[in-house]
Amino acid sequence: MENLWNNYRSAVILTGLAIIAFFTSAYIVPEEEQVVVIRTGEPVGTVNTPNGSTGAGLYFRIPLIESVRRIEKRLLDLEMTDEEVLSNDQQRLLVNAYARFRITDPVRMVERAGTTDGVRTALEPILNSVLRQELGRRTFQDMLTAERGAALANVRTNLDRQAKQYGAEVVNVQIKRTDLPEAPLESAFRRMESDREREARTIRSQGARDAVIIRAEADAEAAKTYADAFGKDARFYDFYRAMKSYETTFANREGGPENSMVLSPDNEYLRQFRGRR
């Protein structure tokens, strides 16, 4: 055993050093990542960047001198939850928005923000600011129409312009929800309820007025018809009115009291039954 070690000691040591050098220098870059090679604190190269000349795979660096900074290549999200924004019609709105961005210049990102979390931290107040500016020029009703798309396009453009200084590109900005704060919302509901009740009272009042007018016109028309009938044939008119009176007096009323009348056969009220005119 001692002879074997003495004979191959150099080879074993060289193999061990080679293995250590391999594991300390080799690194693998997957498709979803891009890498910035840093030497003594300065970026000196990139791997698998968008539109770059290198792709994913196995790469080597100088051990102890160079390091690699791995950066997400896929889309990243930036959330803005329940920020209060004042619209052009002085409505306080709770806006829940988000943006999607990706790192297109990893060297600049490392120099300006350090990490993707640093980019989020830098972009969050900018998103808040440009969203306030854009929504401040529009009313709450505009955010419920096609104007919402134009407003978000302007927000994306302005945010993307600011994001380029951090090596990022903003690809999309969306508003998930726009609500009135709870107290103004309850006040708006009460105001809407009061408006609807006032409108209902107005409609009922107009309906009652129209009913009185229609009933009066119908009574006048009926009176005119009676008068015309009386003028043409007074005896027929008397007969007709007597029949209507008999119908009203002697007809059985459903669910109502029965009428009982005791009259003499010679009573004037019953003259039409006797065929008297």
Protein backbone atom coordinates (compact mmCIF):
# COMPACT_ATOMS: atom_id res chain seq x y z
CA MET A 1 0.00 0.00 0.00
CA GLU A 2 2.86 2.31 0.90
CA ASN A 3 4.58 1.47 -2.37
CA LEU A 4 1.39 2.19 -4.31
CA TRP A 5 1.07 5.60 -2.68
CA ASN A 6 4.70 6.41 -3.35
CA ASN A 7 4.41 5.35 -6.99
CA TYR A 8 1.14 7.25 -7.78
CA ARG A 9 1.16 10.06 -5.23
CA SER A 10 1.67 12.79 -7.77
CA ALA A 11 -1.07 11.45 -10.02
CA VAL A 12 -3.52 11.22 -7.11
CA ILE A 13 -2.73 14.74 -5.97
CA LEU A 14 -3.08 16.13 -9.49
CA THR A 15 -6.39 14.31 -9.93
CA GLY A 16 -7.67 15.66 -6.64
CA LEU A 17 -6.63 19.19 -7.55
CA ALA A 18 -8.26 18.79 -10.96
CA ILE A 19 -11.53 17.70 -9.37
CA ILE A 20 -11.45 20.60 -6.91
CA ALA A 21 -10.67 23.04 -9.73
CA PHE A 22 -13.52 21.67 -11.80
CA PHE A 23 -16.15 22.00 -9.09
CA THR A 24 -14.95 25.45 -8.06
CA SER A 25 -14.86 26.80 -11.60
CA ALA A 26 -17.69 25.07 -13.45
CA TYR A 27 -21.26 26.33 -13.32
CA ILE A 28 -24.41 25.46 -15.23
CA VAL A 29 -26.76 28.08 -16.64
CA PRO A 30 -30.34 26.83 -17.16
CA GLU A 31 -32.67 28.26 -19.80
CA GLU A 32 -34.70 30.30 -17.31
CA GLU A 33 -31.65 32.11 -15.93
CA GLN A 34 -29.04 34.55 -17.15
CA VAL A 35 -25.68 35.10 -15.53
CA VAL A 36 -23.37 38.04 -14.98
CA VAL A 37 -19.73 37.17 -14.36
CA ILE A 38 -18.17 39.51 -11.79
CA ARG A 39 -14.47 39.95 -11.29
CA THR A 40 -13.25 42.01 -8.36
CA GLY A 41 -16.64 43.63 -8.04
CA GLU A 42 -17.02 44.61 -11.70
CA PRO A 43 -19.17 42.83 -14.34
CA VAL A 44 -16.87 41.36 -16.98
CA GLY A 45 -19.24 39.08 -18.92
CA THR A 46 -22.72 37.71 -19.37
CA VAL A 47 -24.21 34.33 -20.28
CA ASN A 48 -27.62 33.46 -21.79
CA THR A 49 -28.87 37.05 -21.93
CA PRO A 50 -31.75 38.13 -24.22
CA ASN A 51 -30.37 38.58 -27.76
CA GLY A 52 -26.95 37.50 -26.47
CA SER A 53 -24.41 35.32 -28.29
CA THR A 54 -24.27 32.64 -25.58
CA GLY A 55 -26.95 30.23 -24.48
CA ALA A 56 -27.69 27.93 -21.59
CA GLY A 57 -25.14 25.23 -20.72
CA LEU A 58 -21.89 24.48 -18.86
CA TYR A 59 -19.41 27.34 -18.33
CA PHE A 60 -16.24 27.95 -16.34
CA ARG A 61 -14.96 30.82 -14.28
CA ILE A 62 -11.67 31.62 -12.60
CA PRO A 63 -11.94 30.26 -9.04
CA LEU A 64 -11.65 32.74 -6.16
CA ILE A 65 -11.35 35.64 -8.62
CA GLU A 66 -14.60 35.51 -10.54
CA SER A 67 -18.11 34.98 -9.23
CA VAL A 68 -21.44 34.62 -11.00
CA ARG A 69 -24.68 36.48 -10.30
CA ARG A 70 -27.73 34.49 -11.39
CA ILE A 71 -30.70 36.53 -12.62
CA GLU A 72 -34.21 35.39 -13.51
CA LYS A 73 -34.80 35.47 -17.25
CA ARG A 74 -38.57 34.93 -17.10
CA LEU A 75 -41.23 37.57 -16.45
CA LEU A 76 -41.24 39.00 -12.94
CA ASP A 77 -44.15 40.56 -11.09
CA LEU A 78 -44.53 43.81 -9.22
CA GLU A 79 -47.61 44.07 -6.99
CA MET A 80 -49.28 47.24 -5.71
CA THR A 81 -52.07 46.45 -3.23
CA ASP A 82 -54.89 48.77 -2.15
CA GLU A 83 -53.25 52.12 -2.76
CA GLU A 84 -55.51 55.13 -2.30
CA VAL A 85 -55.68 57.32 -5.43
CA LEU A 86 -57.60 60.56 -5.95
CA SER A 87 -59.45 60.66 -9.29
CA ASN A 88 -60.21 63.77 -11.35
CA ASP A 89 -63.77 63.94 -9.94
CA GLN A 90 -62.32 63.99 -6.41
CA GLN A 91 -63.23 60.37 -5.66
CA ARG A 92 -60.86 58.52 -3.35
CA LEU A 93 -60.26 55.14 -4.97
CA LEU A 94 -58.61 51.98 -3.66
CA VAL A 95 -56.55 50.64 -6.54
CA ASN A 96 -55.05 47.15 -6.68
CA ALA A 97 -52.61 46.97 -9.60
CA TYR A 98 -49.69 44.93 -10.81
CA ALA A 99 -46.94 45.11 -13.45
CA ARG A 100 -45.00 42.44 -15.32
CA PHE A 101 -41.37 43.09 -16.23
CA ARG A 102 -38.22 41.28 -17.24
CA ILE A 103 -34.51 41.97 -17.05
CA THR A 104 -33.13 42.82 -20.49
CA ASP A 105 -29.80 44.36 -19.42
CA PRO A 106 -28.46 42.28 -16.52
CA VAL A 107 -25.18 44.21 -16.29
CA ARG A 108 -27.01 47.49 -15.75
CA MET A 109 -29.36 45.79 -13.31
CA VAL A 110 -26.41 44.54 -11.24
CA GLU A 111 -24.77 47.96 -11.30
CA ARG A 112 -27.92 49.99 -10.49
CA ALA A 113 -30.11 47.68 -8.38
CA GLY A 114 -27.97 44.69 -7.41
CA THR A 115 -30.79 42.11 -7.50
CA THR A 116 -34.27 41.67 -8.92
CA ASP A 117 -35.68 42.51 -5.49
CA GLY A 118 -33.76 45.76 -5.74
CA VAL A 119 -35.47 46.44 -9.07
CA ARG A 120 -38.88 45.79 -7.46
CA THR A 121 -38.03 48.16 -4.63
CA ALA A 122 -37.01 50.85 -7.12
CA LEU A 123 -40.02 50.39 -9.44
CA GLU A 124 -42.72 50.19 -6.75
CA PRO A 125 -42.81 53.93 -5.91
CA ILE A 126 -42.51 54.77 -9.62
CA LEU A 127 -45.54 52.59 -10.42
CA ASN A 128 -47.41 54.24 -7.56
CA SER A 129 -46.51 57.71 -8.83
CA VAL A 130 -47.34 57.21 -12.53
CA LEU A 131 -50.60 55.47 -11.61
CA ARG A 132 -51.62 58.42 -9.41
CA GLN A 133 -50.73 60.89 -12.17
CA GLU A 134 -52.67 58.98 -14.83
CA LEU A 135 -55.78 58.25 -12.75
CA GLY A 136 -55.73 61.81 -11.41
CA ARG A 137 -56.52 63.00 -14.93
CA ARG A 138 -59.55 60.71 -15.26
CA THR A 139 -62.86 60.30 -13.46
CA PHE A 140 -64.08 57.21 -11.67
CA GLN A 141 -66.58 56.59 -14.48
CA ASP A 142 -63.74 56.66 -17.03
CA MET A 143 -62.16 53.68 -15.26
CA LEU A 144 -65.29 51.66 -16.04
CA THR A 145 -65.07 52.33 -19.78
CA ALA A 146 -62.55 51.88 -22.61
CA GLU A 147 -60.62 54.84 -21.17
CA ARG A 148 -59.20 52.37 -18.65
CA GLY A 149 -57.14 50.66 -21.39
CA ALA A 150 -55.71 53.98 -22.62
CA ALA A 151 -54.81 54.97 -19.06
CA LEU A 152 -53.00 51.67 -18.42
CA ALA A 153 -51.11 51.97 -21.71
CA ASN A 154 -49.82 55.38 -20.61
CA VAL A 155 -48.87 53.96 -17.20
CA ARG A 156 -46.94 51.13 -18.85
CA THR A 157 -45.09 53.53 -21.19
CA ASN A 158 -44.09 55.88 -18.36
CA LEU A 159 -43.07 53.03 -16.06
CA ASP A 160 -41.07 51.33 -18.82
CA ARG A 161 -39.19 54.59 -19.49
CA GLN A 162 -38.12 54.71 -15.84
CA ALA A 163 -37.39 50.97 -15.65
CA LYS A 164 -34.78 51.06 -18.41
CA GLN A 165 -32.29 52.72 -16.08
CA TYR A 166 -32.40 49.52 -14.01
CA GLY A 167 -31.98 47.24 -17.05
CA ALA A 168 -35.64 46.18 -16.98
CA GLU A 169 -38.46 46.25 -19.52
CA VAL A 170 -42.10 46.61 -18.40
CA VAL A 171 -44.31 44.49 -20.64
CA ASN A 172 -47.70 44.90 -18.98
CA VAL A 173 -49.58 46.90 -16.33
CA GLN A 174 -53.07 45.94 -15.18
CA ILE A 175 -55.53 47.03 -12.53
CA LYS A 176 -57.08 44.07 -10.75
CA ARG A 177 -59.64 46.08 -8.80
CA THR A 178 -60.78 49.69 -8.40
CA ASP A 179 -63.13 50.36 -5.48
CA LEU A 180 -64.34 53.24 -3.44
CA PRO A 181 -63.17 53.14 0.19
CA GLU A 182 -65.66 51.55 2.58
CA ALA A 183 -67.04 54.73 4.14
CA PRO A 184 -67.55 56.66 0.86
CA LEU A 185 -68.96 53.46 -0.65
CA GLU A 186 -71.66 53.23 2.03
CA SER A 187 -72.35 56.94 1.57
CA ALA A 188 -72.68 56.40 -2.19
CA PHE A 189 -75.08 53.50 -1.63
CA ARG A 190 -77.24 55.60 0.69
CA ARG A 191 -77.24 58.47 -1.80
CA MET A 192 -78.21 56.11 -4.63
CA GLU A 193 -80.97 54.57 -2.47
CA SER A 194 -82.30 58.04 -1.61
CA ASP A 195 -82.24 59.05 -5.30
CA ARG A 196 -84.16 55.95 -6.34
CA GLU A 197 -86.77 56.46 -3.60
CA ARG A 198 -87.24 60.10 -4.65
CA GLU A 199 -87.59 59.01 -8.27
CA ALA A 200 -90.16 56.35 -7.26
CA ARG A 201 -92.21 58.95 -5.34
CA THR A 202 -92.17 61.25 -8.36
CA ILE A 203 -93.34 58.45 -10.65
CA ARG A 204 -96.13 57.43 -8.24
CA SER A 205 -97.25 61.05 -7.93
CA GLN A 206 -97.34 61.48 -11.69
CA GLY A 207 -99.24 58.19 -12.01
CA ALA A 208 -101.84 59.31 -9.47
CA ARG A 209 -102.23 62.65 -11.25
CA ASP A 210 -102.67 60.92 -14.63
CA ALA A 211 -105.21 58.52 -13.08
CA VAL A 212 -107.31 61.42 -11.77
CA ILE A 213 -107.20 63.11 -15.17
CA ILE A 214 -108.14 59.91 -17.03
CA ARG A 215 -110.97 59.16 -14.58
CA ALA A 216 -112.34 62.71 -14.90
CA GLU A 217 -112.17 62.54 -18.70
CA ALA A 218 -113.93 59.15 -18.64
CA ASP A 219 -116.66 60.50 -16.34
CA ALA A 220 -117.12 63.50 -18.60
CA GLU A 221 -117.32 61.24 -21.64
CA ALA A 222 -119.85 59.02 -19.87
CA ALA A 223 -121.91 62.03 -18.83
CA LYS A 224 -121.86 63.30 -22.39
CA THR A 225 -122.92 59.89 -23.67
CA TYR A 226 -125.79 59.79 -21.16
CA ALA A 227 -126.81 63.31 -22.08
CA ASP A 228 -126.75 62.48 -25.79
CA ALA A 229 -128.82 59.35 -25.18
CA PHE A 230 -131.30 61.30 -23.09
CA GLY A 231 -131.57 63.93 -25.82
CA LYS A 232 -132.29 61.34 -28.51
CA ASP A 233 -134.75 59.12 -26.61
CA ALA A 234 -135.70 60.15 -23.11
CA ARG A 235 -137.87 57.10 -22.47
CA PHE A 236 -135.17 54.65 -23.53
CA TYR A 237 -132.68 56.51 -21.37
CA ASP A 238 -135.06 56.23 -18.39
CA PHE A 239 -135.47 52.51 -19.07
CA TYR A 240 -131.70 52.00 -19.32
CA ARG A 241 -130.98 53.83 -16.10
CA ALA A 242 -133.72 51.80 -14.33
CA MET A 243 -132.14 48.52 -15.52
CA LYS A 244 -128.74 49.63 -14.27
CA SER A 245 -130.28 50.55 -10.94
CA TYR A 246 -132.01 47.14 -10.66
CA GLU A 247 -128.75 45.39 -11.49
CA THR A 248 -126.91 47.30 -8.79
CA THR A 249 -129.68 46.80 -6.21
CA PHE A 250 -130.64 43.16 -6.71
CA ALA A 251 -127.45 41.55 -8.03
CA ASN A 252 -125.76 39.00 -5.74
CA ARG A 253 -122.47 40.34 -4.47
CA GLU A 254 -119.77 37.73 -4.11
CA GLY A 255 -118.81 37.52 -0.44
CA GLY A 256 -120.95 40.57 0.38
CA PRO A 257 -124.23 40.99 2.31
CA GLU A 258 -127.48 40.11 0.59
CA ASN A 259 -129.94 42.98 0.06
CA SER A 260 -133.54 42.56 1.21
CA MET A 261 -136.17 45.10 0.22
CA VAL A 262 -139.87 45.10 0.98
CA LEU A 263 -141.78 47.22 -1.55
CA SER A 264 -145.33 47.58 -2.61
CA PRO A 265 -146.07 46.31 -6.15
CA ASP A 266 -147.30 49.80 -6.91
CA ASN A 267 -144.04 51.37 -5.82
CA GLU A 268 -142.78 53.84 -8.37
CA TYR A 269 -139.33 52.26 -8.26
CA LEU A 270 -140.69 49.06 -9.82
CA ARG A 271 -142.63 50.69 -12.61
CA GLN A 272 -140.33 49.29 -15.32
CA PHE A 273 -141.18 45.74 -14.14
CA ARG A 274 -144.80 46.53 -14.81
CA GLY A 275 -144.02 47.70 -18.32
CA ARG A 276 -144.96 51.23 -17.37
CA ARG A 277 -143.23 54.03 -19.08
